[in-house]
């Protein structure tokens, strides 16, 4: 490699003589499930090819020489470096990284961060519970996320060894040293002000535009840019004329039937049709052309108030998957690493690529309308954030109100029920590539418009579909024999209808699949909490106001390693579903080895993290094997019953 650039395997990076410090000006470790799961999944995806996989760059500044090698100040890449160190710690506990000794990573002026990483690497997790002041909760949380994910995904030790070998030998990282005497303040200024590299979805946009006639490109461009802004409702990204023509007088409908309808509805489309305005591709990509009929550039109507559940590149794949014929859609994975390749193979080839590009633009806008209106968002209001399911309307001033209206209590309850189930789906799939629940929802919503006379989405019909899909995910995939049905089969072939009858499943079938080593997906816990919320929300205020969060730590309520020194339970009781609940990593790391009584004293004074756990803490009797067994029986019956039937109501969607 050239001077200052080194290509390192992950083992060489973590076990070499060089060491790395995280300077004080860097932010704390902040990666959560989504980022950590994605890093591991990227490695797993590249493993079958058995070729070198480049994980990215680590930008460093040589600070001094240490006793065994150089000491580098980490400028860019500390989140990835810390995660790789934690992953090595976990694999060391499995006997797969015996070479990994004391971490070669430390944090300047953050003693608790360095100490937490060292204790984890030494396998002294038992000591971490005794003195929280010695802990960095974010680093400990990252380790527990890795531990939970690896435990769930690798049931076979041989498969884990193959992954470990590939990670440490074939996965590479480029370490880039900034030139000597570089003023870091100047370097950061350059980094912050440099022109950003063209992203994959921008390259894809150029390829799609190249398939269109020049008269159609401005319309496509405006659709694309409006849909790309995932933090706003799509209606707010159009000027008033286009807003009314596309979405009705109050912005609450989607009126076009084709790409031609959209072009005719937008002022720019009419201008282009009459005067044959032409623009080159680079002008459109840069956003400097007259995309608004030669008027001022589009300006945002509102500051950011909502945050969607998906980013734009993955939304493009969601739309592609629902717009293609089933035989082609089956090959579309929801992983944006191969975004351009997937579109090349499925949409951009052949003689009729122009028609396909136009249809995709129409499907894109239609899909965004349905996503905004019928899929949850995170809403930030008055210093708080919460899940919301709202529709946009504009009669003078813009307003946001519950998607299915507020005509009566039944309607309001239906909206809340849909919101809760969507949230349960979402938090169970933190990585974008696994949001097949969203693919199912968008498929239903977009098809409903095409297959019904009114194209209306009724709350009871939508909820019925979502609950059937939830049952199919549970019993046809996560609690089934073998690997279960593929998501494609559940969504496309079975139309979200569960093929297994939960009431017919025996305890002998369910118990091993609900045990600590048998649970395949956190949706098992989240779906159960949804059912428990339906059953107990009218009985208890805490349950009524329960919200789903990104919990991913499976806790043994009676601990695996009691701090009291008790001999503990037999494994079949300890790992049974009756003794398990899903909580946040931060809470689990704080009390994981404490007694059920100590946990109850803490959890009952705090916000509800798990309805299942809340029910486990009821009563004054000591938590023992019999109580765990009885609780398991009750939870299995709840799963077998499923949700109560959706009431049929006559209220029409506003």
Foldseek 3Di string as FASTA:
>chain_A
DDPQKDKAALQCVWQALEFEEEEPVDDDQDDALAVLVVLLVVLVVCLVVLAAAESEAWEWAFDQADPGGTYTYTDPDVNVNLLSLLLLLVVVVVVQNVSRDATRYYYPPCQLDSQQSRCSSVVNLVVCQVDVVSHDLSSLLSNLSSVLVCLQPDLDPVVVNSSSCCRRPRYIYMYGYDDPPDDVVVVVVCVVPPDDDDDPVLVVLLLLLVLADQLLNLLLLQLLVLLQPQQDQSLQQAPDQLSCQQQNPWNFRGPDDFLVSSLVSAPSSVVCVPPVDGDDSVCSSVQNDPSRVVDDRGDGPDPGFWHALAHDLLLLLLLVLLVAPLVLSVPRFSDSVCSNVSCVVGQNDDDVNNRSSRRSSVSSNVLSQCRLQAAWIWGADPNDTAIARWTWTHDPHIDTDHSQDPPDPLSVVLSVLSRLLNQLLSLQPSHSRPSLLSSLLSSVLVVLLVPDDVSFDDSQVSSVLSLQLLLQCVDQAQLYPDRGDDSSCCRPVVVSHHPDQLLPDDCVSRWQCLFQSNGNTCSLQSQLLSLVLLVCLVPDVLSVPDHADNWRRKAQLQAPAAPVRDPDDDRSLRRTNLRIHTFHSSLCSNDRRYHNVVSLVPQVVDRDGGVLVVVLSPDDDGDDSVSSVVSNVVSSVSSNVGHDRRDDDDDGGD
